Amino acid sequence: MKTNKFFGLAVLACGFALSFTSCTNEDNPVGGKKQATVSFENKMLGADGYWCGDKTGTKFDNWGAEAFACQYKEKGVTFPVNYTPSFASWTGFAISERTETTYAKETMTPDQFNSAVGAAKSGNNFCVVYTFGEAIDFGRAVTLKGFWFTNEAWAVDAILNGDGMSPGKFEKDDWLKCTVTATLADGTTKDVEIYLAKDGDYVKDWQFCDFKSLENVTSLSFVLDSTKKNDYGVTTPTYMCIDDIEFEY
């Protein structure tokens, strides 16, 4: 009887051990917090390899045209995208799995969903950022580690060949940057600047935007700027690609 009892306890202990070792990072908190990464893999994409909203969203009027406010959600985080079919336009956060790296104006769509790398940071999908006030909403206060970023193909084409509105390609003094603003639960903000092109070169691979475990972040917004401008504003295509947003909650 004692042998059977000890055997049963051993099996029970092994069962507990297996249950702990099979946990994911989100199930096994470090320092009392759950680890999470938004990788954009939950979106099923069509034959063209991208999604920039659809007609299932909430209807609204966009300068007299019917538009649709859509959302992608993952790990409790919301990514808005506004889609206007008659203009063939969108703003916000699109999802792509395209592996092409080139851009041509004749194939603006789908080429605007190509990255400089031709692959996601991990998995198949990544996010194309083209925002006019849209922001990532974490849905609660999180500790933001950071995210990965690279250039988008249309922006790269403008850097190398000119944008057709401002003279010439990027020279050594030209730059393209993104100011990423984290809004905290108390309403304060923290900015991190990303240079996508600078000193005669541009980002060609996936690089990490480090927020150094910034606490109490509730949202992220993106504003791109460039030395290439005219009377109406920036002429460089204000796109970038992101992937694998890492945070704790």
C-alpha atoms as a PDB file:
ATOM      1  CA  MET A   1       0.000   0.000   0.000  1.00  0.00           C
ATOM      2  CA  LYS A   2       2.820   2.409   0.810  1.00  0.00           C
ATOM      3  CA  THR A   3       4.466   1.695  -2.532  1.00  0.00           C
ATOM      4  CA  ASN A   4       1.228   2.422  -4.381  1.00  0.00           C
ATOM      5  CA  LYS A   5       0.719   5.642  -2.393  1.00  0.00           C
ATOM      6  CA  PHE A   6       4.226   6.863  -3.159  1.00  0.00           C
ATOM      7  CA  PHE A   7       3.789   5.923  -6.823  1.00  0.00           C
ATOM      8  CA  GLY A   8       0.543   7.907  -6.954  1.00  0.00           C
ATOM      9  CA  LEU A   9       2.209  10.935  -5.405  1.00  0.00           C
ATOM     10  CA  ALA A  10       5.063  10.689  -7.888  1.00  0.00           C
ATOM     11  CA  VAL A  11       2.646  10.590 -10.820  1.00  0.00           C
ATOM     12  CA  LEU A  12       0.773  13.566  -9.391  1.00  0.00           C
ATOM     13  CA  ALA A  13       4.013  15.522  -8.973  1.00  0.00           C
ATOM     14  CA  CYS A  14       5.029  14.724 -12.547  1.00  0.00           C
ATOM     15  CA  GLY A  15       1.654  15.879 -13.763  1.00  0.00           C
ATOM     16  CA  PHE A  16       2.111  19.211 -12.012  1.00  0.00           C
ATOM     17  CA  ALA A  17       5.596  19.574 -13.468  1.00  0.00           C
ATOM     18  CA  LEU A  18       4.364  18.896 -17.002  1.00  0.00           C
ATOM     19  CA  SER A  19       1.540  21.373 -16.614  1.00  0.00           C
ATOM     20  CA  PHE A  20       3.975  24.106 -15.614  1.00  0.00           C
ATOM     21  CA  THR A  21       6.520  23.395 -18.351  1.00  0.00           C
ATOM     22  CA  SER A  22       3.828  23.416 -21.045  1.00  0.00           C
ATOM     23  CA  CYS A  23       2.629  26.928 -20.159  1.00  0.00           C
ATOM     24  CA  THR A  24       3.011  29.846 -22.556  1.00  0.00           C
ATOM     25  CA  ASN A  25       4.569  33.146 -21.545  1.00  0.00           C
ATOM     26  CA  GLU A  26       1.099  34.597 -21.085  1.00  0.00           C
ATOM     27  CA  ASP A  27       0.141  31.812 -18.696  1.00  0.00           C
ATOM     28  CA  ASN A  28       3.400  31.978 -16.764  1.00  0.00           C
ATOM     29  CA  PRO A  29       3.826  35.548 -15.466  1.00  0.00           C
ATOM     30  CA  VAL A  30       7.294  36.921 -14.808  1.00  0.00           C
ATOM     31  CA  GLY A  31       7.441  39.232 -11.812  1.00  0.00           C
ATOM     32  CA  GLY A  32       3.675  39.035 -11.413  1.00  0.00           C
ATOM     33  CA  LYS A  33       3.000  40.256 -14.987  1.00  0.00           C
ATOM     34  CA  LYS A  34       1.876  38.336 -18.053  1.00  0.00           C
ATOM     35  CA  GLN A  35       4.057  38.562 -21.158  1.00  0.00           C
ATOM     36  CA  ALA A  36       2.364  39.204 -24.508  1.00  0.00           C
ATOM     37  CA  THR A  37       3.372  39.786 -28.119  1.00  0.00           C
ATOM     38  CA  VAL A  38       1.062  41.026 -30.871  1.00  0.00           C
ATOM     39  CA  SER A  39       2.281  39.295 -34.038  1.00  0.00           C
ATOM     40  CA  PHE A  40      -0.696  39.977 -36.377  1.00  0.00           C
ATOM     41  CA  GLU A  41      -1.001  36.281 -37.196  1.00  0.00           C
ATOM     42  CA  ASN A  42      -4.718  36.056 -36.348  1.00  0.00           C
ATOM     43  CA  LYS A  43      -5.868  37.772 -39.550  1.00  0.00           C
ATOM     44  CA  MET A  44      -6.683  35.522 -42.496  1.00  0.00           C
ATOM     45  CA  LEU A  45      -5.692  37.315 -45.696  1.00  0.00           C
ATOM     46  CA  GLY A  46      -6.971  36.898 -49.245  1.00  0.00           C
ATOM     47  CA  ALA A  47      -5.142  36.054 -52.429  1.00  0.00           C
ATOM     48  CA  ASP A  48      -3.620  39.542 -52.679  1.00  0.00           C
ATOM     49  CA  GLY A  49      -1.990  39.094 -49.272  1.00  0.00           C
ATOM     50  CA  TYR A  50      -3.275  42.182 -47.469  1.00  0.00           C
ATOM     51  CA  TRP A  51      -6.242  43.626 -45.538  1.00  0.00           C
ATOM     52  CA  CYS A  52      -6.948  47.350 -45.155  1.00  0.00           C
ATOM     53  CA  GLY A  53     -10.525  47.183 -43.914  1.00  0.00           C
ATOM     54  CA  ASP A  54     -13.732  45.977 -45.529  1.00  0.00           C
ATOM     55  CA  LYS A  55     -17.459  46.651 -45.737  1.00  0.00           C
ATOM     56  CA  THR A  56     -18.226  44.842 -42.479  1.00  0.00           C
ATOM     57  CA  GLY A  57     -17.109  47.881 -40.485  1.00  0.00           C
ATOM     58  CA  THR A  58     -19.271  50.686 -39.110  1.00  0.00           C
ATOM     59  CA  LYS A  59     -20.392  53.033 -41.884  1.00  0.00           C
ATOM     60  CA  PHE A  60     -19.473  56.712 -41.790  1.00  0.00           C
ATOM     61  CA  ASP A  61     -19.238  59.617 -44.246  1.00  0.00           C
ATOM     62  CA  ASN A  62     -15.785  60.435 -45.584  1.00  0.00           C
ATOM     63  CA  TRP A  63     -16.047  63.694 -47.561  1.00  0.00           C
ATOM     64  CA  GLY A  64     -19.278  62.539 -49.163  1.00  0.00           C
ATOM     65  CA  ALA A  65     -18.165  58.973 -49.737  1.00  0.00           C
ATOM     66  CA  GLU A  66     -19.295  55.870 -47.879  1.00  0.00           C
ATOM     67  CA  ALA A  67     -16.525  54.619 -45.609  1.00  0.00           C
ATOM     68  CA  PHE A  68     -16.183  51.857 -43.037  1.00  0.00           C
ATOM     69  CA  ALA A  69     -14.515  51.992 -39.620  1.00  0.00           C
ATOM     70  CA  CYS A  70     -12.932  48.575 -39.025  1.00  0.00           C
ATOM     71  CA  GLN A  71     -10.744  47.015 -36.346  1.00  0.00           C
ATOM     72  CA  TYR A  72      -8.165  44.297 -35.961  1.00  0.00           C
ATOM     73  CA  LYS A  73      -7.896  42.931 -32.419  1.00  0.00           C
ATOM     74  CA  GLU A  74      -5.278  40.698 -30.824  1.00  0.00           C
ATOM     75  CA  LYS A  75      -4.277  40.081 -27.193  1.00  0.00           C
ATOM     76  CA  GLY A  76      -6.806  42.722 -26.110  1.00  0.00           C
ATOM     77  CA  VAL A  77      -5.174  45.361 -28.334  1.00  0.00           C
ATOM     78  CA  THR A  78      -7.216  47.230 -30.981  1.00  0.00           C
ATOM     79  CA  PHE A  79      -5.871  48.471 -34.322  1.00  0.00           C
ATOM     80  CA  PRO A  80      -8.319  50.753 -36.180  1.00  0.00           C
ATOM     81  CA  VAL A  81      -8.429  51.065 -39.965  1.00  0.00           C
ATOM     82  CA  ASN A  82     -10.762  53.299 -41.980  1.00  0.00           C
ATOM     83  CA  TYR A  83     -11.601  52.049 -45.465  1.00  0.00           C
ATOM     84  CA  THR A  84     -13.198  54.084 -48.281  1.00  0.00           C
ATOM     85  CA  PRO A  85     -13.998  51.790 -51.258  1.00  0.00           C
ATOM     86  CA  SER A  86     -14.913  54.496 -53.801  1.00  0.00           C
ATOM     87  CA  PHE A  87     -11.599  56.274 -53.201  1.00  0.00           C
ATOM     88  CA  ALA A  88      -9.717  52.952 -53.014  1.00  0.00           C
ATOM     89  CA  SER A  89      -8.133  54.411 -49.893  1.00  0.00           C
ATOM     90  CA  TRP A  90      -7.518  53.561 -46.252  1.00  0.00           C
ATOM     91  CA  THR A  91      -5.841  54.963 -43.168  1.00  0.00           C
ATOM     92  CA  GLY A  92      -4.773  53.340 -39.917  1.00  0.00           C
ATOM     93  CA  PHE A  93      -3.249  49.903 -39.483  1.00  0.00           C
ATOM     94  CA  ALA A  94      -3.406  47.384 -42.336  1.00  0.00           C
ATOM     95  CA  ILE A  95      -2.253  43.747 -42.208  1.00  0.00           C
ATOM     96  CA  SER A  96      -0.006  42.217 -44.869  1.00  0.00           C
ATOM     97  CA  GLU A  97       1.773  38.964 -45.639  1.00  0.00           C
ATOM     98  CA  ARG A  98       3.249  40.085 -48.951  1.00  0.00           C
ATOM     99  CA  THR A  99       6.814  39.061 -49.764  1.00  0.00           C
ATOM    100  CA  GLU A 100       7.464  41.533 -52.585  1.00  0.00           C
ATOM    101  CA  THR A 101       9.809  44.437 -51.830  1.00  0.00           C
ATOM    102  CA  THR A 102       9.309  46.665 -54.901  1.00  0.00           C
ATOM    103  CA  TYR A 103       6.887  49.508 -55.658  1.00  0.00           C
ATOM    104  CA  ALA A 104       5.490  50.768 -58.966  1.00  0.00           C
ATOM    105  CA  LYS A 105       2.871  53.496 -59.341  1.00  0.00           C
ATOM    106  CA  GLU A 106       0.987  51.313 -61.823  1.00  0.00           C
ATOM    107  CA  THR A 107       0.523  48.739 -59.060  1.00  0.00           C
ATOM    108  CA  MET A 108       0.218  51.124 -56.121  1.00  0.00           C
ATOM    109  CA  THR A 109      -2.277  48.636 -54.746  1.00  0.00           C
ATOM    110  CA  PRO A 110      -1.087  46.090 -53.731  1.00  0.00           C
ATOM    111  CA  ASP A 111       2.516  47.413 -53.720  1.00  0.00           C
ATOM    112  CA  GLN A 112       1.813  49.836 -50.859  1.00  0.00           C
ATOM    113  CA  PHE A 113       1.514  46.742 -48.643  1.00  0.00           C
ATOM    114  CA  ASN A 114       5.066  45.569 -49.427  1.00  0.00           C
ATOM    115  CA  SER A 115       7.904  45.939 -46.920  1.00  0.00           C
ATOM    116  CA  ALA A 116      11.598  46.625 -47.435  1.00  0.00           C
ATOM    117  CA  VAL A 117      12.399  43.188 -46.008  1.00  0.00           C
ATOM    118  CA  GLY A 118       9.938  40.977 -47.870  1.00  0.00           C
ATOM    119  CA  ALA A 119       8.990  39.038 -44.749  1.00  0.00           C
ATOM    120  CA  ALA A 120       7.468  39.516 -41.321  1.00  0.00           C
ATOM    121  CA  LYS A 121       9.724  39.725 -38.272  1.00  0.00           C
ATOM    122  CA  SER A 122       8.153  36.427 -37.190  1.00  0.00           C
ATOM    123  CA  GLY A 123       5.421  34.281 -38.681  1.00  0.00           C
ATOM    124  CA  ASN A 124       3.790  35.458 -41.916  1.00  0.00           C
ATOM    125  CA  ASN A 125       1.942  38.700 -41.142  1.00  0.00           C
ATOM    126  CA  PHE A 126       3.057  42.231 -40.327  1.00  0.00           C
ATOM    127  CA  CYS A 127       1.323  45.593 -39.964  1.00  0.00           C
ATOM    128  CA  VAL A 128       1.515  48.514 -42.410  1.00  0.00           C
ATOM    129  CA  VAL A 129       1.122  51.865 -40.634  1.00  0.00           C
ATOM    130  CA  TYR A 130      -0.423  54.840 -42.472  1.00  0.00           C
ATOM    131  CA  THR A 131      -2.169  56.960 -39.873  1.00  0.00           C
ATOM    132  CA  PHE A 132      -4.053  60.238 -39.701  1.00  0.00           C
ATOM    133  CA  GLY A 133      -4.988  60.318 -36.030  1.00  0.00           C
ATOM    134  CA  GLU A 134      -5.662  56.590 -35.612  1.00  0.00           C
ATOM    135  CA  ALA A 135      -3.894  55.030 -32.608  1.00  0.00           C
ATOM    136  CA  ILE A 136      -3.261  51.577 -31.176  1.00  0.00           C
ATOM    137  CA  ASP A 137      -5.428  51.048 -28.088  1.00  0.00           C
ATOM    138  CA  PHE A 138      -4.067  48.557 -25.537  1.00  0.00           C
ATOM    139  CA  GLY A 139      -7.421  48.380 -23.733  1.00  0.00           C
ATOM    140  CA  ARG A 140      -5.743  48.729 -20.313  1.00  0.00           C
ATOM    141  CA  ALA A 141      -2.512  50.066 -18.854  1.00  0.00           C
ATOM    142  CA  VAL A 142       0.448  47.927 -19.962  1.00  0.00           C
ATOM    143  CA  THR A 143       4.214  47.924 -19.585  1.00  0.00           C
ATOM    144  CA  LEU A 144       5.519  48.483 -23.108  1.00  0.00           C
ATOM    145  CA  LYS A 145       8.824  46.874 -24.009  1.00  0.00           C
ATOM    146  CA  GLY A 146       8.768  47.949 -27.657  1.00  0.00           C
ATOM    147  CA  PHE A 147       8.138  46.716 -31.185  1.00  0.00           C
ATOM    148  CA  TRP A 148       9.984  45.898 -34.409  1.00  0.00           C
ATOM    149  CA  PHE A 149       9.896  48.190 -37.437  1.00  0.00           C
ATOM    150  CA  THR A 150      11.165  48.535 -40.996  1.00  0.00           C
ATOM    151  CA  ASN A 151      10.490  50.598 -44.105  1.00  0.00           C
ATOM    152  CA  GLU A 152       7.577  50.184 -46.509  1.00  0.00           C
ATOM    153  CA  ALA A 153       8.280  49.736 -50.228  1.00  0.00           C
ATOM    154  CA  TRP A 154       6.684  52.971 -51.515  1.00  0.00           C
ATOM    155  CA  ALA A 155       8.687  55.027 -49.013  1.00  0.00           C
ATOM    156  CA  VAL A 156      11.872  53.235 -50.105  1.00  0.00           C
ATOM    157  CA  ASP A 157      11.100  53.974 -53.768  1.00  0.00           C
ATOM    158  CA  ALA A 158      10.740  57.687 -52.917  1.00  0.00           C
ATOM    159  CA  ILE A 159      13.986  57.644 -50.950  1.00  0.00           C
ATOM    160  CA  LEU A 160      15.872  56.095 -53.865  1.00  0.00           C
ATOM    161  CA  ASN A 161      14.134  57.666 -56.862  1.00  0.00           C
ATOM    162  CA  GLY A 162      12.216  60.734 -55.669  1.00  0.00           C
ATOM    163  CA  ASP A 163       8.545  61.112 -54.875  1.00  0.00           C
ATOM    164  CA  GLY A 164       7.463  63.026 -57.987  1.00  0.00           C
ATOM    165  CA  MET A 165       6.493  66.137 -56.019  1.00  0.00           C
ATOM    166  CA  SER A 166       9.766  67.203 -54.367  1.00  0.00           C
ATOM    167  CA  PRO A 167      12.917  67.287 -56.508  1.00  0.00           C
ATOM    168  CA  GLY A 168      15.195  64.274 -56.530  1.00  0.00           C
ATOM    169  CA  LYS A 169      16.038  61.292 -54.382  1.00  0.00           C
ATOM    170  CA  PHE A 170      17.175  61.538 -50.756  1.00  0.00           C
ATOM    171  CA  GLU A 171      20.581  63.110 -50.290  1.00  0.00           C
ATOM    172  CA  LYS A 172      22.823  62.796 -47.230  1.00  0.00           C
ATOM    173  CA  ASP A 173      21.072  65.635 -45.394  1.00  0.00           C
ATOM    174  CA  ASP A 174      17.567  64.250 -46.003  1.00  0.00           C
ATOM    175  CA  TRP A 175      15.693  62.130 -43.483  1.00  0.00           C
ATOM    176  CA  LEU A 176      12.429  60.289 -42.893  1.00  0.00           C
ATOM    177  CA  LYS A 177      11.426  59.735 -39.297  1.00  0.00           C
ATOM    178  CA  CYS A 178       8.484  58.598 -37.208  1.00  0.00           C
ATOM    179  CA  THR A 179       7.624  60.051 -33.815  1.00  0.00           C
ATOM    180  CA  VAL A 180       5.940  57.297 -31.815  1.00  0.00           C
ATOM    181  CA  THR A 181       3.921  58.676 -28.904  1.00  0.00           C
ATOM    182  CA  ALA A 182       2.929  56.516 -25.946  1.00  0.00           C
ATOM    183  CA  THR A 183       0.009  57.924 -23.965  1.00  0.00           C
ATOM    184  CA  LEU A 184      -0.003  56.908 -20.296  1.00  0.00           C
ATOM    185  CA  ALA A 185      -2.958  56.247 -17.995  1.00  0.00           C
ATOM    186  CA  ASP A 186      -2.528  59.667 -16.336  1.00  0.00           C
ATOM    187  CA  GLY A 187      -2.689  61.473 -19.690  1.00  0.00           C
ATOM    188  CA  THR A 188       1.017  62.215 -19.986  1.00  0.00           C
ATOM    189  CA  THR A 189       2.984  61.159 -23.038  1.00  0.00           C
ATOM    190  CA  LYS A 190       6.395  59.735 -23.922  1.00  0.00           C
ATOM    191  CA  ASP A 191       7.905  60.132 -27.415  1.00  0.00           C
ATOM    192  CA  VAL A 192      10.430  57.900 -29.151  1.00  0.00           C
ATOM    193  CA  GLU A 193      11.855  58.931 -32.521  1.00  0.00           C
ATOM    194  CA  ILE A 194      12.558  56.355 -35.212  1.00  0.00           C
ATOM    195  CA  TYR A 195      14.711  57.311 -38.206  1.00  0.00           C
ATOM    196  CA  LEU A 196      13.694  55.335 -41.286  1.00  0.00           C
ATOM    197  CA  ALA A 197      16.187  57.177 -43.495  1.00  0.00           C
ATOM    198  CA  LYS A 198      19.153  59.309 -42.474  1.00  0.00           C
ATOM    199  CA  ASP A 199      22.734  60.167 -43.466  1.00  0.00           C
ATOM    200  CA  GLY A 200      22.351  58.802 -46.979  1.00  0.00           C
ATOM    201  CA  ASP A 201      21.031  55.391 -45.895  1.00  0.00           C
ATOM    202  CA  TYR A 202      17.684  53.833 -44.976  1.00  0.00           C
ATOM    203  CA  VAL A 203      16.382  50.977 -42.835  1.00  0.00           C
ATOM    204  CA  LYS A 204      16.416  47.712 -44.808  1.00  0.00           C
ATOM    205  CA  ASP A 205      15.892  45.157 -42.039  1.00  0.00           C
ATOM    206  CA  TRP A 206      13.766  44.714 -38.912  1.00  0.00           C
ATOM    207  CA  GLN A 207      14.970  46.930 -36.056  1.00  0.00           C
ATOM    208  CA  PHE A 208      13.716  47.274 -32.490  1.00  0.00           C
ATOM    209  CA  CYS A 209      12.029  50.403 -31.156  1.00  0.00           C
ATOM    210  CA  ASP A 210      12.843  50.180 -27.445  1.00  0.00           C
ATOM    211  CA  PHE A 211      10.432  51.751 -24.957  1.00  0.00           C
ATOM    212  CA  LYS A 212      12.516  50.298 -22.100  1.00  0.00           C
ATOM    213  CA  SER A 213       9.556  48.727 -20.262  1.00  0.00           C
ATOM    214  CA  LEU A 214       7.607  51.983 -20.010  1.00  0.00           C
ATOM    215  CA  GLU A 215       4.787  51.492 -17.515  1.00  0.00           C
ATOM    216  CA  ASN A 216       1.084  52.425 -17.677  1.00  0.00           C
ATOM    217  CA  VAL A 217       0.905  52.797 -21.465  1.00  0.00           C
ATOM    218  CA  THR A 218      -2.662  52.860 -22.815  1.00  0.00           C
ATOM    219  CA  SER A 219      -2.151  53.781 -26.490  1.00  0.00           C
ATOM    220  CA  LEU A 220       0.416  54.357 -29.243  1.00  0.00           C
ATOM    221  CA  SER A 221       0.239  56.871 -32.080  1.00  0.00           C
ATOM    222  CA  PHE A 222       2.495  57.458 -35.090  1.00  0.00           C
ATOM    223  CA  VAL A 223       3.415  60.664 -36.949  1.00  0.00           C
ATOM    224  CA  LEU A 224       5.862  60.555 -39.878  1.00  0.00           C
ATOM    225  CA  ASP A 225       7.877  63.545 -41.062  1.00  0.00           C
ATOM    226  CA  SER A 226      10.463  64.146 -43.755  1.00  0.00           C
ATOM    227  CA  THR A 227      12.769  66.823 -45.123  1.00  0.00           C
ATOM    228  CA  LYS A 228      10.948  66.430 -48.463  1.00  0.00           C
ATOM    229  CA  LYS A 229       8.010  68.865 -48.365  1.00  0.00           C
ATOM    230  CA  ASN A 230       5.968  71.246 -50.487  1.00  0.00           C
ATOM    231  CA  ASP A 231       3.341  73.870 -49.642  1.00  0.00           C
ATOM    232  CA  TYR A 232       0.881  71.144 -48.684  1.00  0.00           C
ATOM    233  CA  GLY A 233       3.163  69.179 -46.360  1.00  0.00           C
ATOM    234  CA  VAL A 234       5.329  66.051 -46.487  1.00  0.00           C
ATOM    235  CA  THR A 235       5.710  64.548 -49.960  1.00  0.00           C
ATOM    236  CA  THR A 236       7.526  61.339 -48.966  1.00  0.00           C
ATOM    237  CA  PRO A 237       4.968  58.512 -48.586  1.00  0.00           C
ATOM    238  CA  THR A 238       4.295  58.396 -44.838  1.00  0.00           C
ATOM    239  CA  TYR A 239       4.191  54.619 -44.449  1.00  0.00           C
ATOM    240  CA  MET A 240       6.148  52.215 -42.260  1.00  0.00           C
ATOM    241  CA  CYS A 241       5.871  48.561 -41.202  1.00  0.00           C
ATOM    242  CA  ILE A 242       5.774  47.158 -37.665  1.00  0.00           C
ATOM    243  CA  ASP A 243       5.631  43.691 -36.116  1.00  0.00           C
ATOM    244  CA  ASP A 244       5.826  41.859 -32.781  1.00  0.00           C
ATOM    245  CA  ILE A 245       4.668  44.473 -30.257  1.00  0.00           C
ATOM    246  CA  GLU A 246       6.003  43.255 -26.898  1.00  0.00           C
ATOM    247  CA  PHE A 247       4.361  44.218 -23.603  1.00  0.00           C
ATOM    248  CA  GLU A 248       3.412  43.055 -20.106  1.00  0.00           C
ATOM    249  CA  TYR A 249       0.142  43.463 -18.230  1.00  0.00           C
END
